Amino acid sequence: MIGFVLRGLIAALGLWIATRWLPGVAIDTPLTLVLAGLLLGLVNAIVRPIAIILTLPMTIVTLGLFLLVINAAMVGLVALMMPGFQLRGFWNAVLTAIIVSLVSWIGSWFIGSRGKIEVLRRDAK
């Protein structure tokens, strides 16, 4: 559970960066930002795998570039579901998805593959 929350907060950080860099993306309040990040994590865990399977032939034909469209659709779905999250246009959705993906990739370095902050310690004998 803590891993999901951490990944949701990292996605919220990516959404915040997108609101600062892209003029077509706006989020009203910090609470909306955090909830949008958590909702994006939930949508990516449930809806995205189904969308990837259903569009697998298109993804293969485009050599994986169609995954950008799927990621943009997931961001657009969150914008539709979350009041206070405005997303104007397809290209803003694509760029937001790229920013969130890059921030999540960098954040994964810190939380590890199991979704926990990993601390290494050495016991004294």
N, C-alpha and C. Protein backbone atom coordinates (compact mmCIF):
# COMPACT_ATOMS: atom_id res chain seq x y z
N MET A 1 0.81 -1.19 0.00
CA MET A 1 0.00 0.00 0.00
C MET A 1 0.86 1.26 0.00
N ILE A 2 1.93 1.24 0.79
CA ILE A 2 2.79 2.41 0.86
C ILE A 2 3.47 2.65 -0.49
N GLY A 3 3.78 1.57 -1.21
CA GLY A 3 4.39 1.70 -2.54
C GLY A 3 3.46 2.39 -3.51
N PHE A 4 2.17 2.05 -3.44
CA PHE A 4 1.18 2.69 -4.32
C PHE A 4 1.07 4.18 -4.02
N VAL A 5 1.06 4.52 -2.74
CA VAL A 5 0.96 5.93 -2.35
C VAL A 5 2.21 6.69 -2.80
N LEU A 6 3.38 6.09 -2.63
CA LEU A 6 4.62 6.74 -3.07
C LEU A 6 4.61 6.98 -4.57
N ARG A 7 4.20 5.97 -5.33
CA ARG A 7 4.14 6.12 -6.79
C ARG A 7 3.08 7.15 -7.19
N GLY A 8 1.97 7.22 -6.45
CA GLY A 8 0.96 8.24 -6.72
C GLY A 8 1.48 9.65 -6.45
N LEU A 9 2.27 9.80 -5.38
CA LEU A 9 2.86 11.11 -5.08
C LEU A 9 3.90 11.50 -6.13
N ILE A 10 4.63 10.52 -6.63
CA ILE A 10 5.60 10.80 -7.70
C ILE A 10 4.86 11.21 -8.97
N ALA A 11 3.74 10.54 -9.28
CA ALA A 11 2.93 10.94 -10.43
C ALA A 11 2.37 12.35 -10.23
N ALA A 12 2.00 12.67 -9.00
CA ALA A 12 1.51 14.03 -8.70
C ALA A 12 2.62 15.05 -8.94
N LEU A 13 3.85 14.70 -8.60
CA LEU A 13 4.97 15.60 -8.87
C LEU A 13 5.13 15.82 -10.37
N GLY A 14 4.99 14.75 -11.15
CA GLY A 14 5.05 14.88 -12.61
C GLY A 14 3.93 15.74 -13.15
N LEU A 15 2.73 15.59 -12.60
CA LEU A 15 1.62 16.43 -13.02
C LEU A 15 1.86 17.89 -12.66
N TRP A 16 2.45 18.13 -11.50
CA TRP A 16 2.76 19.49 -11.09
C TRP A 16 3.76 20.14 -12.04
N ILE A 17 4.79 19.37 -12.42
CA ILE A 17 5.77 19.89 -13.37
C ILE A 17 5.09 20.19 -14.71
N ALA A 18 4.18 19.33 -15.13
CA ALA A 18 3.46 19.55 -16.39
C ALA A 18 2.62 20.83 -16.32
N THR A 19 2.02 21.11 -15.17
CA THR A 19 1.24 22.34 -15.05
C THR A 19 2.13 23.58 -15.13
N ARG A 20 3.37 23.45 -14.70
CA ARG A 20 4.30 24.59 -14.75
C ARG A 20 4.86 24.80 -16.15
N TRP A 21 5.08 23.73 -16.90
CA TRP A 21 5.73 23.81 -18.20
C TRP A 21 4.78 23.95 -19.36
N LEU A 22 3.58 23.41 -19.25
CA LEU A 22 2.64 23.38 -20.37
C LEU A 22 1.47 24.33 -20.12
N PRO A 23 1.19 25.21 -21.06
CA PRO A 23 0.10 26.16 -20.85
C PRO A 23 -1.29 25.53 -20.92
N GLY A 24 -1.43 24.35 -21.50
CA GLY A 24 -2.73 23.72 -21.65
C GLY A 24 -3.10 22.76 -20.54
N VAL A 25 -2.32 22.75 -19.46
CA VAL A 25 -2.59 21.86 -18.33
C VAL A 25 -2.74 22.72 -17.09
N ALA A 26 -3.84 22.52 -16.36
CA ALA A 26 -4.08 23.30 -15.15
C ALA A 26 -4.73 22.41 -14.09
N ILE A 27 -4.27 22.57 -12.87
CA ILE A 27 -4.86 21.88 -11.72
C ILE A 27 -5.15 22.94 -10.68
N ASP A 28 -6.38 22.93 -10.14
CA ASP A 28 -6.85 24.01 -9.29
C ASP A 28 -6.19 24.07 -7.92
N THR A 29 -6.21 22.96 -7.18
CA THR A 29 -5.73 22.98 -5.79
C THR A 29 -4.67 21.89 -5.57
N PRO A 30 -3.88 22.02 -4.52
CA PRO A 30 -2.92 20.95 -4.20
C PRO A 30 -3.59 19.62 -3.89
N LEU A 31 -4.76 19.66 -3.27
CA LEU A 31 -5.48 18.41 -2.99
C LEU A 31 -5.90 17.73 -4.30
N THR A 32 -6.35 18.51 -5.26
CA THR A 32 -6.70 17.96 -6.57
C THR A 32 -5.48 17.35 -7.23
N LEU A 33 -4.34 17.98 -7.06
CA LEU A 33 -3.09 17.46 -7.62
C LEU A 33 -2.74 16.10 -7.04
N VAL A 34 -2.80 15.97 -5.73
CA VAL A 34 -2.47 14.69 -5.08
C VAL A 34 -3.49 13.63 -5.46
N LEU A 35 -4.77 13.98 -5.46
CA LEU A 35 -5.80 13.01 -5.84
C LEU A 35 -5.67 12.60 -7.30
N ALA A 36 -5.31 13.53 -8.18
CA ALA A 36 -5.10 13.20 -9.59
C ALA A 36 -3.91 12.25 -9.74
N GLY A 37 -2.85 12.46 -8.97
CA GLY A 37 -1.71 11.54 -9.01
C GLY A 37 -2.08 10.15 -8.56
N LEU A 38 -2.85 10.05 -7.47
CA LEU A 38 -3.30 8.74 -7.00
C LEU A 38 -4.26 8.08 -7.99
N LEU A 39 -5.15 8.88 -8.57
CA LEU A 39 -6.08 8.34 -9.56
C LEU A 39 -5.34 7.90 -10.82
N LEU A 40 -4.31 8.63 -11.21
CA LEU A 40 -3.50 8.23 -12.36
C LEU A 40 -2.81 6.90 -12.08
N GLY A 41 -2.32 6.72 -10.87
CA GLY A 41 -1.72 5.43 -10.50
C GLY A 41 -2.73 4.30 -10.56
N LEU A 42 -3.94 4.56 -10.11
CA LEU A 42 -5.00 3.54 -10.15
C LEU A 42 -5.41 3.22 -11.59
N VAL A 43 -5.56 4.25 -12.41
CA VAL A 43 -5.92 4.05 -13.81
C VAL A 43 -4.81 3.29 -14.54
N ASN A 44 -3.55 3.63 -14.24
CA ASN A 44 -2.44 2.92 -14.88
C ASN A 44 -2.35 1.47 -14.42
N ALA A 45 -2.82 1.18 -13.22
CA ALA A 45 -2.78 -0.20 -12.73
C ALA A 45 -3.93 -1.05 -13.25
N ILE A 46 -5.07 -0.44 -13.54
CA ILE A 46 -6.26 -1.22 -13.92
C ILE A 46 -6.59 -1.07 -15.40
N VAL A 47 -6.74 0.15 -15.89
CA VAL A 47 -7.23 0.37 -17.25
C VAL A 47 -6.12 0.22 -18.29
N ARG A 48 -4.93 0.72 -17.98
CA ARG A 48 -3.83 0.72 -18.96
C ARG A 48 -3.46 -0.68 -19.46
N PRO A 49 -3.34 -1.70 -18.59
CA PRO A 49 -3.03 -3.03 -19.12
C PRO A 49 -4.08 -3.56 -20.09
N ILE A 50 -5.34 -3.27 -19.82
CA ILE A 50 -6.41 -3.71 -20.72
C ILE A 50 -6.29 -2.98 -22.05
N ALA A 51 -6.02 -1.67 -22.00
CA ALA A 51 -5.86 -0.90 -23.24
C ALA A 51 -4.66 -1.38 -24.04
N ILE A 52 -3.59 -1.75 -23.37
CA ILE A 52 -2.40 -2.24 -24.07
C ILE A 52 -2.70 -3.56 -24.77
N ILE A 53 -3.40 -4.45 -24.11
CA ILE A 53 -3.73 -5.73 -24.73
C ILE A 53 -4.66 -5.53 -25.92
N LEU A 54 -5.66 -4.67 -25.77
CA LEU A 54 -6.62 -4.46 -26.86
C LEU A 54 -5.99 -3.78 -28.08
N THR A 55 -4.95 -2.98 -27.86
CA THR A 55 -4.32 -2.26 -28.97
C THR A 55 -2.95 -2.84 -29.33
N LEU A 56 -2.70 -4.08 -28.95
CA LEU A 56 -1.39 -4.69 -29.21
C LEU A 56 -1.01 -4.72 -30.68
N PRO A 57 -1.92 -5.05 -31.61
CA PRO A 57 -1.51 -5.01 -33.02
C PRO A 57 -1.05 -3.62 -33.48
N MET A 58 -1.76 -2.58 -33.06
CA MET A 58 -1.37 -1.22 -33.42
C MET A 58 -0.02 -0.86 -32.80
N THR A 59 0.21 -1.31 -31.57
CA THR A 59 1.48 -1.03 -30.90
C THR A 59 2.63 -1.72 -31.63
N ILE A 60 2.40 -2.92 -32.11
CA ILE A 60 3.45 -3.65 -32.84
C ILE A 60 3.73 -2.98 -34.18
N VAL A 61 2.68 -2.58 -34.88
CA VAL A 61 2.86 -1.94 -36.18
C VAL A 61 3.62 -0.62 -36.05
N THR A 62 3.37 0.13 -34.99
CA THR A 62 4.03 1.42 -34.80
C THR A 62 5.33 1.30 -34.00
N LEU A 63 5.78 0.08 -33.79
CA LEU A 63 7.02 -0.19 -33.05
C LEU A 63 7.02 0.42 -31.65
N GLY A 64 5.86 0.40 -31.01
CA GLY A 64 5.74 0.85 -29.63
C GLY A 64 5.36 2.31 -29.46
N LEU A 65 5.34 3.08 -30.53
CA LEU A 65 5.01 4.49 -30.40
C LEU A 65 3.54 4.72 -30.01
N PHE A 66 2.69 3.75 -30.29
CA PHE A 66 1.29 3.89 -29.91
C PHE A 66 1.12 3.90 -28.39
N LEU A 67 2.13 3.43 -27.65
CA LEU A 67 2.06 3.49 -26.19
C LEU A 67 2.00 4.94 -25.70
N LEU A 68 2.56 5.87 -26.47
CA LEU A 68 2.43 7.29 -26.12
C LEU A 68 0.97 7.73 -26.17
N VAL A 69 0.25 7.23 -27.16
CA VAL A 69 -1.17 7.56 -27.28
C VAL A 69 -1.95 6.95 -26.12
N ILE A 70 -1.60 5.72 -25.74
CA ILE A 70 -2.28 5.07 -24.61
C ILE A 70 -2.01 5.84 -23.33
N ASN A 71 -0.75 6.25 -23.11
CA ASN A 71 -0.43 7.02 -21.91
C ASN A 71 -1.17 8.36 -21.91
N ALA A 72 -1.24 9.00 -23.07
CA ALA A 72 -1.99 10.26 -23.17
C ALA A 72 -3.47 10.03 -22.88
N ALA A 73 -4.00 8.91 -23.34
CA ALA A 73 -5.41 8.60 -23.06
C ALA A 73 -5.65 8.38 -21.57
N MET A 74 -4.68 7.79 -20.87
CA MET A 74 -4.84 7.58 -19.44
C MET A 74 -4.83 8.94 -18.70
N VAL A 75 -3.98 9.85 -19.12
CA VAL A 75 -3.96 11.19 -18.52
C VAL A 75 -5.27 11.90 -18.84
N GLY A 76 -5.76 11.76 -20.07
CA GLY A 76 -7.03 12.36 -20.45
C GLY A 76 -8.19 11.79 -19.67
N LEU A 77 -8.16 10.48 -19.41
CA LEU A 77 -9.20 9.85 -18.61
C LEU A 77 -9.22 10.40 -17.19
N VAL A 78 -8.04 10.58 -16.62
CA VAL A 78 -7.96 11.16 -15.28
C VAL A 78 -8.49 12.60 -15.29
N ALA A 79 -8.17 13.35 -16.34
CA ALA A 79 -8.67 14.73 -16.45
C ALA A 79 -10.19 14.76 -16.56
N LEU A 80 -10.76 13.78 -17.24
CA LEU A 80 -12.23 13.71 -17.34
C LEU A 80 -12.87 13.35 -16.00
N MET A 81 -12.22 12.49 -15.25
CA MET A 81 -12.79 12.00 -14.00
C MET A 81 -12.57 12.94 -12.82
N MET A 82 -11.54 13.76 -12.90
CA MET A 82 -11.16 14.60 -11.77
C MET A 82 -11.58 16.05 -11.99
N PRO A 83 -12.56 16.53 -11.23
CA PRO A 83 -12.92 17.94 -11.35
C PRO A 83 -11.75 18.81 -10.83
N GLY A 84 -11.47 19.86 -11.53
CA GLY A 84 -10.36 20.73 -11.16
C GLY A 84 -9.08 20.43 -11.90
N PHE A 85 -9.11 19.46 -12.81
CA PHE A 85 -7.95 19.10 -13.63
C PHE A 85 -8.34 19.37 -15.07
N GLN A 86 -7.78 20.43 -15.65
CA GLN A 86 -8.11 20.79 -17.02
C GLN A 86 -6.94 20.43 -17.94
N LEU A 87 -7.30 19.80 -19.04
CA LEU A 87 -6.31 19.38 -20.04
C LEU A 87 -6.86 19.79 -21.40
N ARG A 88 -6.14 20.66 -22.08
CA ARG A 88 -6.61 21.20 -23.35
C ARG A 88 -5.80 20.62 -24.51
N GLY A 89 -6.39 19.70 -25.24
CA GLY A 89 -5.78 19.21 -26.46
C GLY A 89 -5.00 17.92 -26.30
N PHE A 90 -4.87 17.23 -27.44
CA PHE A 90 -4.19 15.95 -27.50
C PHE A 90 -2.70 16.09 -27.21
N TRP A 91 -2.06 17.09 -27.78
CA TRP A 91 -0.61 17.22 -27.63
C TRP A 91 -0.23 17.59 -26.20
N ASN A 92 -1.07 18.34 -25.51
CA ASN A 92 -0.82 18.59 -24.09
C ASN A 92 -0.91 17.30 -23.29
N ALA A 93 -1.84 16.42 -23.67
CA ALA A 93 -1.94 15.13 -23.00
C ALA A 93 -0.71 14.28 -23.25
N VAL A 94 -0.22 14.28 -24.49
CA VAL A 94 0.98 13.50 -24.83
C VAL A 94 2.19 14.03 -24.06
N LEU A 95 2.37 15.33 -24.07
CA LEU A 95 3.52 15.91 -23.36
C LEU A 95 3.41 15.71 -21.85
N THR A 96 2.20 15.79 -21.31
CA THR A 96 2.00 15.52 -19.88
C THR A 96 2.35 14.07 -19.57
N ALA A 97 1.93 13.15 -20.43
CA ALA A 97 2.25 11.73 -20.21
C ALA A 97 3.75 11.49 -20.27
N ILE A 98 4.44 12.17 -21.16
CA ILE A 98 5.90 12.03 -21.25
C ILE A 98 6.57 12.57 -19.99
N ILE A 99 6.13 13.72 -19.52
CA ILE A 99 6.71 14.32 -18.32
C ILE A 99 6.47 13.43 -17.10
N VAL A 100 5.23 12.94 -16.95
CA VAL A 100 4.91 12.07 -15.82
C VAL A 100 5.73 10.77 -15.90
N SER A 101 5.90 10.24 -17.10
CA SER A 101 6.68 9.01 -17.27
C SER A 101 8.14 9.22 -16.88
N LEU A 102 8.72 10.33 -17.30
CA LEU A 102 10.11 10.61 -16.97
C LEU A 102 10.30 10.83 -15.46
N VAL A 103 9.39 11.57 -14.85
CA VAL A 103 9.48 11.80 -13.40
C VAL A 103 9.28 10.47 -12.66
N SER A 104 8.37 9.64 -13.11
CA SER A 104 8.15 8.33 -12.47
C SER A 104 9.36 7.42 -12.64
N TRP A 105 9.99 7.49 -13.79
CA TRP A 105 11.18 6.68 -14.03
C TRP A 105 12.30 7.09 -13.09
N ILE A 106 12.50 8.39 -12.94
CA ILE A 106 13.53 8.88 -12.01
C ILE A 106 13.14 8.53 -10.58
N GLY A 107 11.87 8.67 -10.23
CA GLY A 107 11.41 8.33 -8.88
C GLY A 107 11.56 6.86 -8.56
N SER A 108 11.46 6.00 -9.57
CA SER A 108 11.63 4.56 -9.36
C SER A 108 13.05 4.21 -8.92
N TRP A 109 14.01 5.04 -9.28
CA TRP A 109 15.38 4.80 -8.80
C TRP A 109 15.44 4.87 -7.28
N PHE A 110 14.61 5.74 -6.70
CA PHE A 110 14.67 5.96 -5.26
C PHE A 110 13.80 5.01 -4.46
N ILE A 111 12.71 4.54 -5.04
CA ILE A 111 11.83 3.67 -4.26
C ILE A 111 12.02 2.20 -4.59
N GLY A 112 12.82 1.87 -5.59
CA GLY A 112 13.13 0.48 -5.89
C GLY A 112 12.02 -0.21 -6.66
N SER A 113 12.28 -1.45 -7.03
CA SER A 113 11.32 -2.20 -7.85
C SER A 113 10.14 -2.72 -7.05
N ARG A 114 10.27 -2.83 -5.73
CA ARG A 114 9.17 -3.33 -4.91
C ARG A 114 8.27 -2.22 -4.37
N GLY A 115 8.57 -0.99 -4.72
CA GLY A 115 7.72 0.12 -4.29
C GLY A 115 7.97 0.57 -2.87
N LYS A 116 9.12 0.27 -2.33
CA LYS A 116 9.47 0.70 -0.98
C LYS A 116 10.78 1.46 -1.04
N ILE A 117 10.94 2.38 -0.12
CA ILE A 117 12.23 3.05 0.00
C ILE A 117 13.18 2.06 0.63
N GLU A 118 14.22 1.74 -0.10
CA GLU A 118 15.13 0.70 0.36
C GLU A 118 16.28 1.31 1.13
N VAL A 119 16.50 0.78 2.32
CA VAL A 119 17.58 1.24 3.18
C VAL A 119 18.48 0.04 3.45
N LEU A 120 19.74 0.19 3.17
CA LEU A 120 20.70 -0.86 3.44
C LEU A 120 21.41 -0.54 4.75
N ARG A 121 21.49 -1.51 5.63
CA ARG A 121 22.19 -1.28 6.88
C ARG A 121 23.07 -2.48 7.17
N ARG A 122 24.06 -2.23 7.94
CA ARG A 122 25.01 -3.27 8.28
C ARG A 122 24.95 -3.46 9.79
N ASP A 123 24.66 -4.68 10.22
CA ASP A 123 24.57 -4.97 11.63
C ASP A 123 25.96 -5.17 12.22
N ALA A 124 26.18 -4.57 13.37
CA ALA A 124 27.47 -4.74 14.06
C ALA A 124 27.43 -6.04 14.86
N LYS A 125 28.52 -6.78 14.83
CA LYS A 125 28.58 -8.05 15.56
C LYS A 125 29.47 -7.95 16.76
